[in-house]
Protein backbone atom coordinates (compact mmCIF):
# COMPACT_ATOMS: atom_id res chain seq x y z
CA MET A 1 65.00 60.74 226.02
CA PRO A 2 67.88 61.19 228.14
CA LEU A 3 68.37 63.87 231.07
CA TYR A 4 71.32 65.34 229.67
CA LYS A 5 72.45 67.98 233.00
CA THR A 6 71.07 68.76 235.75
CA ILE A 7 72.13 71.75 237.66
CA SER A 8 71.39 73.76 241.31
CA PRO A 9 72.73 77.12 241.01
CA ASN A 10 71.06 78.10 244.55
CA SER A 11 69.09 76.27 247.12
CA GLN A 12 65.63 77.30 245.47
CA THR A 13 66.60 76.92 241.84
CA THR A 14 67.41 73.67 239.29
CA VAL A 15 67.70 73.96 235.93
CA LYS A 16 67.33 70.09 233.61
CA ILE A 17 68.67 70.44 230.36
CA TRP A 18 67.16 67.23 227.89
CA LYS A 19 68.55 65.81 225.00
CA ILE A 20 65.89 64.99 222.36
CA THR A 21 66.35 61.83 221.03
CA GLU A 22 62.95 60.34 220.74
CA SER A 23 60.06 60.40 217.69
CA PHE A 24 57.17 62.47 217.89
CA ASP A 25 55.43 59.13 218.34
CA GLU A 26 56.95 58.44 221.13
CA LEU A 27 57.02 61.70 223.00
CA MET A 28 53.34 61.84 222.66
CA GLN A 29 53.03 58.75 224.03
CA ALA A 30 54.98 59.62 227.16
CA VAL A 31 53.00 63.22 227.93
CA ASN A 32 49.32 63.59 228.79
CA LEU A 33 48.40 67.22 227.24
CA LYS A 34 45.29 69.33 227.89
CA PRO A 35 43.16 69.84 225.30
CA ASN A 36 44.56 73.50 224.17
CA SER A 37 47.95 72.25 224.69
CA LEU A 38 47.27 69.23 222.12
CA GLU A 39 45.52 71.63 219.93
CA ARG A 40 48.73 73.48 219.76
CA VAL A 41 51.24 70.94 218.85
CA LEU A 42 49.06 68.74 216.51
CA GLY A 43 48.84 72.77 214.97
CA MET A 44 52.51 72.92 214.46
CA LYS A 45 53.82 72.50 211.15
CA SER A 46 57.50 71.80 212.05
CA GLU A 47 57.71 68.20 213.78
CA LEU A 48 61.07 69.62 215.22
CA HIS A 49 58.94 72.12 217.02
CA GLN A 50 56.59 69.61 217.97
CA ARG A 51 59.48 67.60 219.45
CA GLY A 52 60.69 70.60 221.33
CA PHE A 53 57.18 71.21 222.78
CA LEU A 54 56.96 67.90 224.04
CA SER A 55 60.23 67.72 225.06
CA VAL A 56 59.24 70.38 227.78
CA ARG A 57 56.38 68.56 229.09
CA TRP A 58 58.30 65.39 229.20
CA LEU A 59 60.75 67.67 231.51
CA LEU A 60 58.06 69.00 233.73
CA GLN A 61 57.68 65.73 234.74
CA THR A 62 61.18 64.93 235.88
CA PHE A 63 60.06 67.97 238.50
CA GLY A 64 56.74 66.72 239.60
CA TYR A 65 54.73 68.61 237.59
CA SER A 66 52.25 67.75 234.32
CA ASP A 67 50.91 69.40 231.46
CA GLN A 68 48.06 70.39 233.71
CA ASP A 69 50.21 72.33 235.79
CA LEU A 70 51.55 74.86 233.47
CA PHE A 71 49.57 77.79 232.51
CA TYR A 72 50.49 81.05 230.61
CA ASP A 73 49.59 84.73 231.01
CA ASP A 74 48.76 87.49 228.38
CA PHE A 75 51.91 88.10 228.04
CA GLY A 76 52.93 84.43 226.74
CA LYS A 77 55.06 84.01 230.07
CA PRO A 78 54.60 80.31 231.44
CA HIS A 79 53.76 80.00 235.14
CA LEU A 80 52.61 76.94 237.36
CA LYS A 81 49.83 76.55 239.55
CA ASP A 82 51.93 76.48 242.69
CA GLY A 83 53.06 79.58 242.64
CA LYS A 84 56.71 78.19 241.83
CA GLN A 85 58.40 80.44 239.17
CA ILE A 86 59.66 78.85 235.42
CA SER A 87 60.66 79.48 232.17
CA ILE A 88 61.17 76.99 229.30
CA THR A 89 63.40 76.92 226.18
CA HIS A 90 64.06 74.56 223.45
CA SER A 91 66.39 74.67 220.47
CA PHE A 92 66.68 71.86 217.73
CA ASN A 93 67.49 68.55 219.78
CA PHE A 94 67.78 70.13 223.13
CA SER A 95 65.37 71.36 225.43
CA ALA A 96 66.02 73.05 228.44
CA VAL A 97 63.33 73.59 232.09
CA ILE A 98 64.47 76.15 234.99
CA VAL A 99 62.12 76.21 238.30
CA SER A 100 63.02 77.95 241.30
CA ASP A 101 61.35 80.33 243.70
CA LEU A 102 63.16 83.20 242.38
CA ILE A 103 62.04 84.92 239.03
CA VAL A 104 64.04 83.18 236.46
CA GLY A 105 64.85 83.01 232.66
CA ILE A 106 66.08 80.57 230.34
CA ASP A 107 67.31 80.49 226.82
CA ILE A 108 69.31 77.44 224.57
CA GLU A 109 70.34 78.39 221.28
CA LYS A 110 72.65 76.78 218.74
CA GLN A 111 75.87 78.07 218.11
CA ARG A 112 75.56 79.36 214.09
CA ASN A 113 77.44 81.91 211.95
CA LYS A 114 74.09 83.42 210.59
CA ILE A 115 73.69 85.50 214.15
CA SER A 116 76.39 87.48 213.01
CA ILE A 117 74.29 88.50 210.34
CA ILE A 118 71.91 89.71 212.59
CA ALA A 119 74.02 91.14 215.97
CA HIS A 120 73.77 94.98 214.84
CA LYS A 121 69.68 94.28 216.10
CA PHE A 122 70.74 93.10 219.68
CA VAL A 123 74.03 94.16 220.26
CA ASP A 124 74.73 97.64 220.82
CA TYR A 125 77.41 98.17 224.28
CA GLU A 126 78.78 94.90 223.69
CA PHE A 127 80.59 95.87 220.46
CA ASP A 128 83.34 97.85 222.31
CA TYR A 129 84.68 94.25 223.40
CA LEU A 130 83.69 92.07 220.55
CA LEU A 131 86.15 91.41 218.26
CA GLU A 132 84.67 90.75 214.58
CA ASN A 133 87.72 88.74 213.74
CA ALA A 134 87.80 86.91 216.90
CA GLU A 135 87.81 82.63 216.59
CA ASP A 136 85.16 82.67 219.46
CA TYR A 137 83.53 85.87 217.85
CA ILE A 138 80.26 83.66 217.14
CA ARG A 139 80.44 81.81 220.22
CA LYS A 140 80.08 85.35 222.05
CA LEU A 141 77.51 86.72 220.43
CA THR A 142 75.65 83.45 221.19
CA VAL A 143 76.32 84.10 224.84
CA ILE A 144 75.16 87.39 224.98
CA TRP A 145 71.72 86.64 222.61
CA CYS A 146 70.95 84.21 224.87
CA VAL A 147 71.53 86.16 228.15
CA LYS A 148 69.69 89.11 226.78
CA GLU A 149 66.78 86.12 225.85
CA SER A 150 66.78 84.81 229.13
CA LEU A 151 66.28 88.72 230.85
CA TYR A 152 63.45 89.31 228.43
CA LYS A 153 61.69 86.30 230.05
CA LEU A 154 62.44 86.98 233.50
CA PHE A 155 61.35 90.21 232.98
CA CYS A 156 58.68 90.01 230.73
CA THR A 157 57.59 93.58 229.90
CA PRO A 158 56.25 94.80 226.39
CA GLY A 159 58.70 97.30 224.73
CA LEU A 160 62.04 95.92 226.30
CA SER A 161 64.60 95.67 223.44
CA PHE A 162 67.40 93.29 223.26
CA LYS A 163 69.65 96.40 221.95
CA ASN A 164 68.75 99.26 223.90
CA HIS A 165 67.38 97.78 227.53
CA CYS A 166 69.75 95.14 227.94
CA LEU A 167 73.61 95.22 228.80
CA VAL A 168 75.90 92.12 229.24
CA ILE A 169 79.26 93.12 230.57
CA PRO A 170 82.39 91.16 229.44
CA PHE A 171 82.95 87.81 230.22
CA THR A 172 85.47 84.54 229.34
CA PHE A 173 84.39 80.81 228.70
CA GLU A 174 86.15 79.89 231.92
CA ASP A 175 84.24 81.35 234.28
CA GLU A 176 80.78 79.83 232.94
CA LYS A 177 78.94 83.52 234.60
CA THR A 178 78.46 87.10 233.45
CA VAL A 179 76.81 90.17 234.91
CA ALA A 180 73.61 91.87 232.68
CA TRP A 181 71.69 94.99 233.59
CA ILE A 182 68.17 96.14 232.75
CA ASP A 183 67.69 99.33 232.20
CA TYR A 184 64.28 100.55 231.14
CA GLU A 185 62.23 103.15 231.86
CA GLY A 186 63.75 104.37 234.59
CA GLN A 187 64.65 100.82 236.52
CA LYS A 188 68.05 99.61 236.67
CA LYS A 189 68.22 96.01 237.69
CA ARG A 190 71.26 94.01 238.23
CA TYR A 191 70.68 90.50 237.49
CA ASN A 192 73.54 87.56 237.41
CA ILE A 193 74.24 85.28 234.69
CA GLU A 194 75.00 81.79 234.48
CA PHE A 195 75.46 80.05 231.05
CA LEU A 196 77.49 76.47 229.64
CA GLU A 197 78.19 75.46 226.21
CA PHE A 198 77.40 71.96 224.85
CA GLU A 199 77.78 69.98 221.32
CA GLY A 200 77.48 73.21 219.56
CA PHE A 201 74.82 74.97 221.93
CA THR A 202 74.45 77.50 224.29
CA CYS A 203 72.35 77.80 227.42
CA ALA A 204 72.03 80.97 229.51
CA TYR A 205 69.87 81.58 232.73
CA ALA A 206 69.16 84.78 234.45
CA ILE A 207 68.17 84.68 238.36
CA ALA A 208 66.65 87.56 240.07
């Protein structure tokens, strides 16, 4: 299972992306799961999801953590017992974990044409600078989705809407960064976002 990329956005933050190549059995042998985690993974109907779940636990080990160090709050947000901030994502054959002293969120998505069908559900302001017939339309939509998903994980507040409360300013692929805002119930917060593309996937992470 190769470590695909390690990124250090700042001295307090590390991102690790993993390419999942092992079988379910190989992954199971490589991690030590808590009873509730074992029950959860065995209850998954998709082997793709099982391998994603297990690969995240293997990734944790590269940070020096184990499944025992990870827990989730009532909103489903992951936490580490030592107080470090963490966010987790996996999509098809890639997974990623970001660990930081700062509040963070991360998302990976496969670039697929079907995202255009649901664009109206998560895009509002951004339609002002998106060109539907442009060759990079799907790629830009995927970046916007990943940015908003990472913000959602970071903010972790019930009722937050991708379309109504999250805003991504115009960006270029060359810059691999943008600025996004959350405007929610009187709170207006600005976030620096970094993103990258690889093998038909997009990854974005937000740092508070």
